[in-house]
Amino acid sequence: MATATVTSKGQVTIPVEVRADLGLHPGSRLVFLPTGTGRYEVHAESGSIRELKGAVPSPQNPVSLEDMDAAIAGGAGASGP
């Protein structure tokens, strides 16, 4: 079990294994949720949508709006599984 000590300034160093499990990096934010039993759950705060920029590579063969419209009009994928 990982433990940490609160400093006189109220700061805590989160153990490396906990940071890894939560996917934390410098600048990450944590959310403390009360459970109603005198305890708290700690969650990594979800990032901004802007952090996703570049997560998906650009397609090698981009599809034009005209191609999309033609596929929609033609019922692309309408046959189902």
Protein backbone atom coordinates (compact mmCIF):
# COMPACT_ATOMS: atom_id res chain seq x y z
CA MET A 1 0.00 0.00 0.00
CA ALA A 2 1.37 3.40 -0.98
CA THR A 3 1.57 6.12 1.68
CA ALA A 4 2.46 9.81 1.73
CA THR A 5 2.98 12.50 4.34
CA VAL A 6 1.33 15.93 4.40
CA THR A 7 3.89 18.73 4.77
CA SER A 8 3.42 21.82 6.96
CA LYS A 9 2.32 23.62 3.77
CA GLY A 10 -0.42 21.03 3.14
CA GLN A 11 1.44 19.46 0.22
CA VAL A 12 1.70 15.75 -0.54
CA THR A 13 4.08 13.94 -2.86
CA ILE A 14 2.07 11.26 -4.65
CA PRO A 15 4.02 8.00 -4.83
CA VAL A 16 5.32 7.12 -8.29
CA GLU A 17 3.23 3.94 -8.57
CA VAL A 18 0.04 5.88 -7.80
CA ARG A 19 0.95 8.57 -10.36
CA ALA A 20 1.52 5.84 -12.95
CA ASP A 21 -1.77 4.08 -12.13
CA LEU A 22 -3.72 7.35 -12.44
CA GLY A 23 -1.84 8.47 -15.56
CA LEU A 24 -0.68 11.65 -13.84
CA HIS A 25 2.01 13.93 -15.22
CA PRO A 26 3.23 17.41 -14.25
CA GLY A 27 0.26 19.76 -14.46
CA SER A 28 -2.35 17.03 -13.97
CA ARG A 29 -5.30 17.95 -11.79
CA LEU A 30 -6.96 15.76 -9.18
CA VAL A 31 -10.59 15.72 -8.06
CA PHE A 32 -11.45 14.80 -4.47
CA LEU A 33 -14.97 13.38 -4.19
CA PRO A 34 -16.51 12.88 -0.74
CA THR A 35 -18.03 9.43 -0.35
CA GLY A 36 -20.34 10.46 2.48
CA THR A 37 -18.60 8.17 4.96
CA GLY A 38 -15.85 10.55 6.02
CA ARG A 39 -13.63 9.37 3.17
CA TYR A 40 -12.72 10.75 -0.24
CA GLU A 41 -12.15 9.20 -3.64
CA VAL A 42 -9.30 10.67 -5.68
CA HIS A 43 -9.75 10.85 -9.45
CA ALA A 44 -7.59 12.29 -12.19
CA GLU A 45 -9.54 15.17 -13.71
CA SER A 46 -10.47 14.67 -17.33
CA GLY A 47 -8.46 16.85 -19.66
CA SER A 48 -9.58 19.42 -22.13
CA ILE A 49 -10.74 18.41 -25.59
CA ARG A 50 -7.82 20.45 -26.86
CA GLU A 51 -5.42 17.90 -25.36
CA LEU A 52 -6.71 15.38 -27.90
CA LYS A 53 -5.34 17.37 -30.85
CA GLY A 54 -3.05 15.09 -32.83
CA ALA A 55 -4.22 11.92 -31.06
CA VAL A 56 -5.71 10.58 -34.30
CA PRO A 57 -3.53 10.84 -37.41
CA SER A 58 -4.86 12.56 -40.51
CA PRO A 59 -6.28 10.12 -43.06
CA GLN A 60 -3.99 9.15 -45.93
CA ASN A 61 -6.83 9.57 -48.42
CA PRO A 62 -9.13 12.35 -47.22
CA VAL A 63 -12.79 12.10 -48.26
CA SER A 64 -14.41 15.17 -49.77
CA LEU A 65 -17.77 16.52 -48.66
CA GLU A 66 -19.14 15.58 -52.07
CA ASP A 67 -18.02 11.95 -51.57
CA MET A 68 -19.65 11.91 -48.12
CA ASP A 69 -22.89 13.34 -49.51
CA ALA A 70 -22.88 10.74 -52.30
CA ALA A 71 -22.32 7.92 -49.79
CA ILE A 72 -25.16 9.17 -47.61
CA ALA A 73 -27.49 9.58 -50.58
CA GLY A 74 -26.59 6.08 -51.76
CA GLY A 75 -27.38 4.55 -48.37
CA ALA A 76 -23.80 3.52 -47.56
CA GLY A 77 -23.84 0.91 -44.84
CA ALA A 78 -27.64 0.76 -44.83
CA SER A 79 -27.61 -3.03 -45.38
CA GLY A 80 -26.54 -3.54 -41.73
CA PRO A 81 -24.84 -6.57 -40.22
